[in-house]
Amino acid sequence: MGGHPAVALELTSRFRNLIPLGEVATLTAEVTEVQGRKVRTRGRLEGADGTLYAEGEGLFLTLNLARFGDMAEKAMKVLGHPGESSE
């Protein structure tokens, strides 16, 4: 979620058409709603000709890294995001 740590609560995927091997496709995604710590998203995978290959939605919960103490600091260093756990 834009660089904010979050966990998935619900993911829904719908596969509409098979993607031919070697096909170039574009994935678009957006945040559709934010309610407190809940973030709803949706995305689409489309071919250059507009063929819809897949679409889906997700519900995520942002994490308060301060609640995880030293464990969050260690994880952020491992992931290459030092100092971001002070949110």
C-alpha atoms as a PDB file:
ATOM      1  CA  MET A   1       0.000   0.000   0.000  1.00  0.00           C
ATOM      2  CA  GLY A   2       2.268   2.720  -1.222  1.00  0.00           C
ATOM      3  CA  GLY A   3       5.183   1.701   0.986  1.00  0.00           C
ATOM      4  CA  HIS A   4       3.059   1.123   4.073  1.00  0.00           C
ATOM      5  CA  PRO A   5       3.238  -2.320   5.681  1.00  0.00           C
ATOM      6  CA  ALA A   6      -0.037  -4.217   5.435  1.00  0.00           C
ATOM      7  CA  VAL A   7      -1.456  -7.731   5.535  1.00  0.00           C
ATOM      8  CA  ALA A   8      -4.075  -9.168   3.194  1.00  0.00           C
ATOM      9  CA  LEU A   9      -7.412  -9.987   4.810  1.00  0.00           C
ATOM     10  CA  GLU A  10      -9.228 -10.985   1.624  1.00  0.00           C
ATOM     11  CA  LEU A  11      -8.151 -11.485  -2.010  1.00  0.00           C
ATOM     12  CA  THR A  12     -10.474 -12.221  -4.919  1.00  0.00           C
ATOM     13  CA  SER A  13      -9.172 -13.107  -8.401  1.00  0.00           C
ATOM     14  CA  ARG A  14     -11.218 -13.737 -11.518  1.00  0.00           C
ATOM     15  CA  PHE A  15      -9.431 -15.163 -14.536  1.00  0.00           C
ATOM     16  CA  ARG A  16     -11.273 -14.101 -17.695  1.00  0.00           C
ATOM     17  CA  ASN A  17      -9.094 -15.256 -20.617  1.00  0.00           C
ATOM     18  CA  LEU A  18      -5.908 -17.264 -21.096  1.00  0.00           C
ATOM     19  CA  ILE A  19      -2.810 -15.178 -21.767  1.00  0.00           C
ATOM     20  CA  PRO A  20      -0.954 -16.373 -24.860  1.00  0.00           C
ATOM     21  CA  LEU A  21       2.731 -17.176 -24.292  1.00  0.00           C
ATOM     22  CA  GLY A  22       4.873 -14.133 -24.997  1.00  0.00           C
ATOM     23  CA  GLU A  23       1.943 -11.721 -24.684  1.00  0.00           C
ATOM     24  CA  VAL A  24       2.711  -8.288 -23.282  1.00  0.00           C
ATOM     25  CA  ALA A  25       0.131  -7.353 -20.666  1.00  0.00           C
ATOM     26  CA  THR A  26      -0.421  -4.340 -18.446  1.00  0.00           C
ATOM     27  CA  LEU A  27      -1.374  -4.577 -14.793  1.00  0.00           C
ATOM     28  CA  THR A  28      -3.240  -1.602 -13.343  1.00  0.00           C
ATOM     29  CA  ALA A  29      -4.144  -1.316  -9.682  1.00  0.00           C
ATOM     30  CA  GLU A  30      -5.738   1.322  -7.497  1.00  0.00           C
ATOM     31  CA  VAL A  31      -6.835   1.977  -3.961  1.00  0.00           C
ATOM     32  CA  THR A  32     -10.616   2.320  -4.023  1.00  0.00           C
ATOM     33  CA  GLU A  33     -11.388   3.018  -0.371  1.00  0.00           C
ATOM     34  CA  VAL A  34      -9.641   3.701   2.923  1.00  0.00           C
ATOM     35  CA  GLN A  35     -11.564   3.244   6.176  1.00  0.00           C
ATOM     36  CA  GLY A  36      -9.252   3.685   9.134  1.00  0.00           C
ATOM     37  CA  ARG A  37      -6.689   0.880   8.835  1.00  0.00           C
ATOM     38  CA  LYS A  38      -8.696  -0.995   6.166  1.00  0.00           C
ATOM     39  CA  VAL A  39      -7.629  -0.424   2.555  1.00  0.00           C
ATOM     40  CA  ARG A  40      -9.645  -1.762  -0.397  1.00  0.00           C
ATOM     41  CA  THR A  41      -7.987  -2.190  -3.781  1.00  0.00           C
ATOM     42  CA  ARG A  42      -8.770  -3.476  -7.256  1.00  0.00           C
ATOM     43  CA  GLY A  43      -6.713  -4.393 -10.284  1.00  0.00           C
ATOM     44  CA  ARG A  44      -6.904  -5.518 -13.909  1.00  0.00           C
ATOM     45  CA  LEU A  45      -4.553  -7.386 -16.227  1.00  0.00           C
ATOM     46  CA  GLU A  46      -5.125  -6.428 -19.869  1.00  0.00           C
ATOM     47  CA  GLY A  47      -3.497  -7.070 -23.215  1.00  0.00           C
ATOM     48  CA  ALA A  48      -2.413  -4.322 -25.605  1.00  0.00           C
ATOM     49  CA  ASP A  49      -5.611  -4.917 -27.623  1.00  0.00           C
ATOM     50  CA  GLY A  50      -7.796  -4.429 -24.514  1.00  0.00           C
ATOM     51  CA  THR A  51      -8.400  -8.128 -23.833  1.00  0.00           C
ATOM     52  CA  LEU A  52      -9.163  -8.575 -20.136  1.00  0.00           C
ATOM     53  CA  TYR A  53      -7.139 -11.504 -18.781  1.00  0.00           C
ATOM     54  CA  ALA A  54      -7.826 -11.124 -15.067  1.00  0.00           C
ATOM     55  CA  GLU A  55      -9.309  -8.773 -12.501  1.00  0.00           C
ATOM     56  CA  GLY A  56      -9.592  -8.767  -8.765  1.00  0.00           C
ATOM     57  CA  GLU A  57     -10.103  -6.978  -5.473  1.00  0.00           C
ATOM     58  CA  GLY A  58      -8.342  -7.015  -2.151  1.00  0.00           C
ATOM     59  CA  LEU A  59      -8.924  -5.926   1.413  1.00  0.00           C
ATOM     60  CA  PHE A  60      -5.796  -5.112   3.419  1.00  0.00           C
ATOM     61  CA  LEU A  61      -5.118  -3.993   6.967  1.00  0.00           C
ATOM     62  CA  THR A  62      -2.260  -1.565   7.548  1.00  0.00           C
ATOM     63  CA  LEU A  63       0.102  -2.444  10.371  1.00  0.00           C
ATOM     64  CA  ASN A  64       1.269  -0.235  13.217  1.00  0.00           C
ATOM     65  CA  LEU A  65       4.924  -1.272  13.341  1.00  0.00           C
ATOM     66  CA  ALA A  66       5.435   0.364  16.735  1.00  0.00           C
ATOM     67  CA  ARG A  67       3.380  -2.482  18.251  1.00  0.00           C
ATOM     68  CA  PHE A  68       5.976  -4.997  17.043  1.00  0.00           C
ATOM     69  CA  GLY A  69       8.931  -3.361  18.822  1.00  0.00           C
ATOM     70  CA  ASP A  70      12.425  -4.612  17.978  1.00  0.00           C
ATOM     71  CA  MET A  71      11.038  -7.292  15.680  1.00  0.00           C
ATOM     72  CA  ALA A  72       9.720  -4.612  13.280  1.00  0.00           C
ATOM     73  CA  GLU A  73      13.047  -2.776  13.252  1.00  0.00           C
ATOM     74  CA  LYS A  74      14.896  -5.999  12.401  1.00  0.00           C
ATOM     75  CA  ALA A  75      12.406  -6.887   9.666  1.00  0.00           C
ATOM     76  CA  MET A  76      12.637  -3.459   8.062  1.00  0.00           C
ATOM     77  CA  LYS A  77      16.452  -3.698   7.984  1.00  0.00           C
ATOM     78  CA  VAL A  78      16.270  -7.137   6.362  1.00  0.00           C
ATOM     79  CA  LEU A  79      13.797  -5.803   3.786  1.00  0.00           C
ATOM     80  CA  GLY A  80      16.002  -2.806   3.044  1.00  0.00           C
ATOM     81  CA  HIS A  81      13.833  -0.140   4.674  1.00  0.00           C
ATOM     82  CA  PRO A  82      15.903   1.055   7.648  1.00  0.00           C
ATOM     83  CA  GLY A  83      14.263   3.602   9.911  1.00  0.00           C
ATOM     84  CA  GLU A  84      10.731   3.171   8.557  1.00  0.00           C
ATOM     85  CA  SER A  85       9.459   1.371  11.631  1.00  0.00           C
ATOM     86  CA  SER A  86       8.965   4.577  13.628  1.00  0.00           C
ATOM     87  CA  GLU A  87       5.438   5.215  12.227  1.00  0.00           C
END
